[in-house]
C-alpha atoms as a PDB file:
ATOM      1  CA  MET A   1     -24.946 -21.798 -36.248  1.00  0.00           C
ATOM      2  CA  ARG A   2     -27.987 -21.345 -34.102  1.00  0.00           C
ATOM      3  CA  PRO A   3     -30.750 -19.092 -35.162  1.00  0.00           C
ATOM      4  CA  GLY A   4     -31.738 -16.291 -32.802  1.00  0.00           C
ATOM      5  CA  GLY A   5     -28.377 -14.576 -32.504  1.00  0.00           C
ATOM      6  CA  GLY A   6     -27.536 -15.959 -29.059  1.00  0.00           C
ATOM      7  CA  GLY A   7     -25.068 -18.632 -30.167  1.00  0.00           C
ATOM      8  CA  LEU A   8     -21.692 -18.758 -31.820  1.00  0.00           C
ATOM      9  CA  THR A   9     -21.789 -16.642 -34.918  1.00  0.00           C
ATOM     10  CA  LEU A  10     -19.088 -16.273 -37.509  1.00  0.00           C
ATOM     11  CA  PRO A  11     -17.878 -12.895 -36.126  1.00  0.00           C
ATOM     12  CA  ARG A  12     -17.678 -14.367 -32.605  1.00  0.00           C
ATOM     13  CA  LEU A  13     -15.745 -17.397 -33.836  1.00  0.00           C
ATOM     14  CA  ALA A  14     -13.376 -15.119 -35.737  1.00  0.00           C
ATOM     15  CA  GLY A  15     -12.834 -13.033 -32.570  1.00  0.00           C
ATOM     16  CA  TRP A  16     -12.012 -16.120 -30.500  1.00  0.00           C
ATOM     17  CA  LEU A  17      -9.688 -17.400 -33.215  1.00  0.00           C
ATOM     18  CA  LEU A  18      -7.874 -14.043 -33.311  1.00  0.00           C
ATOM     19  CA  ALA A  19      -7.531 -14.041 -29.504  1.00  0.00           C
ATOM     20  CA  ASP A  20      -6.124 -17.580 -29.558  1.00  0.00           C
ATOM     21  CA  VAL A  21      -3.636 -16.699 -32.297  1.00  0.00           C
ATOM     22  CA  LEU A  22      -2.457 -13.609 -30.410  1.00  0.00           C
ATOM     23  CA  LEU A  23      -2.055 -15.645 -27.224  1.00  0.00           C
ATOM     24  CA  MET A  24      -0.055 -18.260 -29.108  1.00  0.00           C
ATOM     25  CA  LEU A  25       2.203 -15.532 -30.589  1.00  0.00           C
ATOM     26  CA  LEU A  26       2.780 -14.097 -27.098  1.00  0.00           C
ATOM     27  CA  VAL A  27       3.826 -17.516 -25.785  1.00  0.00           C
ATOM     28  CA  VAL A  28       6.171 -18.031 -28.738  1.00  0.00           C
ATOM     29  CA  VAL A  29       7.787 -14.599 -28.324  1.00  0.00           C
ATOM     30  CA  LEU A  30       8.255 -15.039 -24.590  1.00  0.00           C
ATOM     31  CA  GLY A  31       9.579 -18.549 -25.093  1.00  0.00           C
ATOM     32  CA  THR A  32      12.262 -17.394 -27.507  1.00  0.00           C
ATOM     33  CA  GLU A  33      13.699 -14.639 -25.271  1.00  0.00           C
ATOM     34  CA  VAL A  34      17.358 -15.296 -24.534  1.00  0.00           C
ATOM     35  CA  VAL A  35      18.575 -14.348 -21.069  1.00  0.00           C
ATOM     36  CA  PRO A  36      22.364 -14.155 -20.655  1.00  0.00           C
ATOM     37  CA  ALA A  37      23.704 -16.523 -18.016  1.00  0.00           C
ATOM     38  CA  LEU A  38      25.235 -15.024 -14.886  1.00  0.00           C
ATOM     39  CA  PRO A  39      28.795 -16.095 -14.164  1.00  0.00           C
ATOM     40  CA  SER A  40      29.129 -18.481 -11.248  1.00  0.00           C
ATOM     41  CA  ALA A  41      31.296 -17.611  -8.246  1.00  0.00           C
ATOM     42  CA  GLY A  42      34.188 -19.730  -9.498  1.00  0.00           C
ATOM     43  CA  THR A  43      34.360 -18.386 -13.043  1.00  0.00           C
ATOM     44  CA  ALA A  44      35.565 -15.075 -14.381  1.00  0.00           C
ATOM     45  CA  ALA A  45      32.966 -12.689 -15.720  1.00  0.00           C
ATOM     46  CA  GLY A  46      34.952 -11.836 -18.828  1.00  0.00           C
ATOM     47  CA  PRO A  47      37.875 -12.964 -20.955  1.00  0.00           C
ATOM     48  CA  ASP A  48      41.159 -13.737 -19.233  1.00  0.00           C
ATOM     49  CA  ARG A  49      43.105 -10.477 -19.091  1.00  0.00           C
ATOM     50  CA  ALA A  50      46.410 -12.267 -19.738  1.00  0.00           C
ATOM     51  CA  THR A  51      45.203 -13.667 -23.080  1.00  0.00           C
ATOM     52  CA  ALA A  52      42.854 -10.862 -24.060  1.00  0.00           C
ATOM     53  CA  PRO A  53      44.175  -8.485 -26.717  1.00  0.00           C
ATOM     54  CA  ALA A  54      45.197  -5.097 -25.408  1.00  0.00           C
ATOM     55  CA  GLY A  55      42.652  -2.454 -26.190  1.00  0.00           C
ATOM     56  CA  PRO A  56      41.680   0.926 -24.965  1.00  0.00           C
ATOM     57  CA  PRO A  57      41.152   1.156 -21.207  1.00  0.00           C
ATOM     58  CA  PRO A  58      37.560   1.130 -19.953  1.00  0.00           C
ATOM     59  CA  PRO A  59      35.930   4.545 -19.816  1.00  0.00           C
ATOM     60  CA  ALA A  60      36.399   6.512 -16.612  1.00  0.00           C
ATOM     61  CA  PRO A  61      33.380   6.742 -14.326  1.00  0.00           C
ATOM     62  CA  PRO A  62      31.433  10.024 -14.389  1.00  0.00           C
ATOM     63  CA  HIS A  63      32.808  12.911 -12.333  1.00  0.00           C
ATOM     64  CA  GLY A  64      32.313  12.154  -8.644  1.00  0.00           C
ATOM     65  CA  ALA A  65      31.532   8.479  -9.231  1.00  0.00           C
ATOM     66  CA  SER A  66      33.701   5.597  -8.119  1.00  0.00           C
ATOM     67  CA  SER A  67      33.799   1.833  -8.312  1.00  0.00           C
ATOM     68  CA  ALA A  68      32.721   1.568  -4.662  1.00  0.00           C
ATOM     69  CA  SER A  69      29.282   0.227  -3.871  1.00  0.00           C
ATOM     70  CA  LEU A  70      26.869   0.323  -0.954  1.00  0.00           C
ATOM     71  CA  ASP A  71      27.234  -2.392   1.682  1.00  0.00           C
ATOM     72  CA  PRO A  72      23.710  -3.749   2.310  1.00  0.00           C
ATOM     73  CA  GLN A  73      24.520  -4.482   5.972  1.00  0.00           C
ATOM     74  CA  SER A  74      23.727  -1.527   8.195  1.00  0.00           C
ATOM     75  CA  GLU A  75      24.517  -0.552  11.771  1.00  0.00           C
ATOM     76  CA  SER A  76      22.399   1.500  14.190  1.00  0.00           C
ATOM     77  CA  VAL A  77      23.541   4.217  16.561  1.00  0.00           C
ATOM     78  CA  VAL A  78      20.989   5.408  19.145  1.00  0.00           C
ATOM     79  CA  ALA A  79      21.196   8.620  21.164  1.00  0.00           C
ATOM     80  CA  HIS A  80      18.884   9.521  24.055  1.00  0.00           C
ATOM     81  CA  VAL A  81      17.840  13.144  23.739  1.00  0.00           C
ATOM     82  CA  ASP A  82      15.492  15.770  25.110  1.00  0.00           C
ATOM     83  CA  PRO A  83      13.312  16.372  22.034  1.00  0.00           C
ATOM     84  CA  ASP A  84      11.862  19.616  23.415  1.00  0.00           C
ATOM     85  CA  ALA A  85      15.342  21.069  23.964  1.00  0.00           C
ATOM     86  CA  LEU A  86      16.569  19.986  20.514  1.00  0.00           C
ATOM     87  CA  LEU A  87      13.455  21.309  18.789  1.00  0.00           C
ATOM     88  CA  GLY A  88      13.826  24.518  20.803  1.00  0.00           C
ATOM     89  CA  GLY A  89      17.361  24.995  19.454  1.00  0.00           C
ATOM     90  CA  SER A  90      19.280  24.363  22.697  1.00  0.00           C
ATOM     91  CA  PRO A  91      23.062  24.409  22.032  1.00  0.00           C
ATOM     92  CA  ALA A  92      23.636  22.162  25.079  1.00  0.00           C
ATOM     93  CA  ALA A  93      21.168  19.559  23.749  1.00  0.00           C
ATOM     94  CA  ALA A  94      22.819  19.688  20.307  1.00  0.00           C
ATOM     95  CA  ALA A  95      26.293  19.272  21.867  1.00  0.00           C
ATOM     96  CA  ASP A  96      25.072  16.321  23.963  1.00  0.00           C
ATOM     97  CA  LEU A  97      23.592  14.668  20.858  1.00  0.00           C
ATOM     98  CA  ALA A  98      26.830  15.227  18.909  1.00  0.00           C
ATOM     99  CA  GLU A  99      28.884  13.641  21.701  1.00  0.00           C
ATOM    100  CA  GLN A 100      26.586  10.605  21.898  1.00  0.00           C
ATOM    101  CA  LEU A 101      26.796  10.155  18.124  1.00  0.00           C
ATOM    102  CA  ARG A 102      30.620  10.442  18.188  1.00  0.00           C
ATOM    103  CA  ARG A 103      30.758   7.692  20.833  1.00  0.00           C
ATOM    104  CA  GLY A 104      28.236   5.622  18.874  1.00  0.00           C
ATOM    105  CA  ILE A 105      30.193   5.695  15.611  1.00  0.00           C
ATOM    106  CA  ARG A 106      33.561   4.992  17.259  1.00  0.00           C
ATOM    107  CA  PRO A 107      33.469   1.233  16.407  1.00  0.00           C
ATOM    108  CA  TYR A 108      32.902   2.089  12.721  1.00  0.00           C
ATOM    109  CA  ARG A 109      35.472   4.889  12.298  1.00  0.00           C
ATOM    110  CA  SER A 110      37.631   2.765   9.972  1.00  0.00           C
ATOM    111  CA  ARG A 111      34.737   2.812   7.484  1.00  0.00           C
ATOM    112  CA  ARG A 112      32.921   5.609   5.653  1.00  0.00           C
ATOM    113  CA  ALA A 113      29.169   6.189   5.845  1.00  0.00           C
ATOM    114  CA  ALA A 114      27.551   6.343   2.415  1.00  0.00           C
ATOM    115  CA  LEU A 115      23.876   6.653   3.365  1.00  0.00           C
ATOM    116  CA  VAL A 116      22.455   7.734   6.716  1.00  0.00           C
ATOM    117  CA  LEU A 117      18.813   7.400   7.722  1.00  0.00           C
ATOM    118  CA  VAL A 118      17.931   9.626  10.676  1.00  0.00           C
ATOM    119  CA  TRP A 119      14.974   8.429  12.755  1.00  0.00           C
ATOM    120  CA  GLY A 120      13.473  10.660  15.426  1.00  0.00           C
ATOM    121  CA  SER A 121      11.003   9.697  18.125  1.00  0.00           C
ATOM    122  CA  ALA A 122       9.294  12.488  20.072  1.00  0.00           C
ATOM    123  CA  ALA A 123       6.000  12.831  21.924  1.00  0.00           C
ATOM    124  CA  ALA A 124       3.593  15.753  21.971  1.00  0.00           C
ATOM    125  CA  CYS A 125       3.499  15.707  25.802  1.00  0.00           C
ATOM    126  CA  ARG A 126       5.386  14.098  28.679  1.00  0.00           C
ATOM    127  CA  GLY A 127       4.328  10.474  29.086  1.00  0.00           C
ATOM    128  CA  CYS A 128       2.507  10.379  25.736  1.00  0.00           C
ATOM    129  CA  ALA A 129       3.198   7.948  22.913  1.00  0.00           C
ATOM    130  CA  ALA A 130       5.365   8.990  19.980  1.00  0.00           C
ATOM    131  CA  ASP A 131       3.808  11.668  17.803  1.00  0.00           C
ATOM    132  CA  PRO A 132       4.563  11.185  14.098  1.00  0.00           C
ATOM    133  CA  VAL A 133       4.560  14.922  13.367  1.00  0.00           C
ATOM    134  CA  ARG A 134       6.977  15.853  16.186  1.00  0.00           C
ATOM    135  CA  SER A 135       9.099  12.773  15.452  1.00  0.00           C
ATOM    136  CA  ALA A 136       9.478  13.806  11.812  1.00  0.00           C
ATOM    137  CA  GLU A 137      10.266  17.375  12.893  1.00  0.00           C
ATOM    138  CA  LEU A 138      12.957  16.082  15.267  1.00  0.00           C
ATOM    139  CA  ALA A 139      14.559  13.969  12.532  1.00  0.00           C
ATOM    140  CA  ARG A 140      14.436  16.885  10.057  1.00  0.00           C
ATOM    141  CA  ARG A 141      16.072  19.173  12.633  1.00  0.00           C
ATOM    142  CA  VAL A 142      18.873  16.687  13.425  1.00  0.00           C
ATOM    143  CA  ALA A 143      19.686  15.461   9.880  1.00  0.00           C
ATOM    144  CA  PRO A 144      21.480  18.588   8.515  1.00  0.00           C
ATOM    145  CA  GLY A 145      23.852  18.664  11.502  1.00  0.00           C
ATOM    146  CA  VAL A 146      24.923  15.016  11.279  1.00  0.00           C
ATOM    147  CA  PRO A 147      27.981  15.646   9.018  1.00  0.00           C
ATOM    148  CA  GLU A 148      29.342  18.191  11.507  1.00  0.00           C
ATOM    149  CA  VAL A 149      29.609  15.435  14.154  1.00  0.00           C
ATOM    150  CA  ALA A 150      32.429  13.731  12.211  1.00  0.00           C
ATOM    151  CA  PRO A 151      33.052  15.212   8.742  1.00  0.00           C
ATOM    152  CA  GLU A 152      35.616  12.517   7.893  1.00  0.00           C
ATOM    153  CA  PHE A 153      33.042   9.779   8.587  1.00  0.00           C
ATOM    154  CA  PHE A 154      29.740  11.186   7.347  1.00  0.00           C
ATOM    155  CA  PRO A 155      29.057  12.372   3.791  1.00  0.00           C
ATOM    156  CA  ALA A 156      28.287  16.047   3.198  1.00  0.00           C
ATOM    157  CA  TYR A 157      24.668  16.896   3.910  1.00  0.00           C
ATOM    158  CA  ASP A 158      22.311  16.153   1.076  1.00  0.00           C
ATOM    159  CA  PRO A 159      18.692  15.169   1.815  1.00  0.00           C
ATOM    160  CA  ARG A 160      19.059  12.287  -0.655  1.00  0.00           C
ATOM    161  CA  ILE A 161      22.024  10.872   1.294  1.00  0.00           C
ATOM    162  CA  ILE A 162      21.172  11.845   4.874  1.00  0.00           C
ATOM    163  CA  ARG A 163      17.432  11.222   5.073  1.00  0.00           C
ATOM    164  CA  ALA A 164      15.128  12.213   7.920  1.00  0.00           C
ATOM    165  CA  HIS A 165      12.304   9.874   8.979  1.00  0.00           C
ATOM    166  CA  GLU A 166       9.868   9.711  11.869  1.00  0.00           C
ATOM    167  CA  ASP A 167       9.876   6.683  14.110  1.00  0.00           C
ATOM    168  CA  GLY A 168       6.579   5.819  15.763  1.00  0.00           C
ATOM    169  CA  GLU A 169       8.091   2.529  16.896  1.00  0.00           C
ATOM    170  CA  GLY A 170      11.214   3.744  18.699  1.00  0.00           C
ATOM    171  CA  GLN A 171      11.559   4.761  22.313  1.00  0.00           C
ATOM    172  CA  VAL A 172      10.336   8.325  22.829  1.00  0.00           C
ATOM    173  CA  GLY A 173      13.242  10.710  23.277  1.00  0.00           C
ATOM    174  CA  THR A 174      15.667   8.968  20.936  1.00  0.00           C
ATOM    175  CA  VAL A 175      17.422   9.730  17.688  1.00  0.00           C
ATOM    176  CA  ARG A 176      18.591   6.683  15.748  1.00  0.00           C
ATOM    177  CA  LEU A 177      21.016   6.744  12.852  1.00  0.00           C
ATOM    178  CA  GLU A 178      20.910   3.805  10.473  1.00  0.00           C
ATOM    179  CA  LEU A 179      24.341   3.719   8.816  1.00  0.00           C
ATOM    180  CA  PHE A 180      25.028   2.157   5.436  1.00  0.00           C
ATOM    181  CA  PHE A 181      28.699   1.998   4.496  1.00  0.00           C
ATOM    182  CA  VAL A 182      30.796   2.212   1.356  1.00  0.00           C
ATOM    183  CA  ARG A 183      32.017  -1.197   0.255  1.00  0.00           C
ATOM    184  CA  ASP A 184      35.153  -1.017  -1.875  1.00  0.00           C
END
């Protein structure tokens, strides 16, 4: 020990020893964690059903839930619109948008949309770049009406399932639907 208090004193050594012991315990605890192995593609995830003893059936999923999942591959449908007319509530502009969306989803009609992202792109003036505020307003205006285009294809409107977004990157005067499908 050095005199003068600037060196390694017994309390400092004890502190470093405690820190080292705690670090060693952390390494030991993390090193002993057991992670269950994932089944490979060629093996079954559970016991063979033919040899497994009969037991109670698995619990039913919660009301409204199913065993279907979300397909991570999405498809885009783009409609060219007059943002001013749509934002102004024009029935003709809304009917034109609905018809373009019906034609756009035609190749996917054998599937069911599970999640729909609605992207709007609108400018504040003719010839201007996309305005984020007007683009978001356009998407918010269009999103609730999407299920009415094809009720058998789109889910019922819920802002968690049919989400409105602004698109500063898209071509001004477009509405783009990003469709995610149910995978059975």
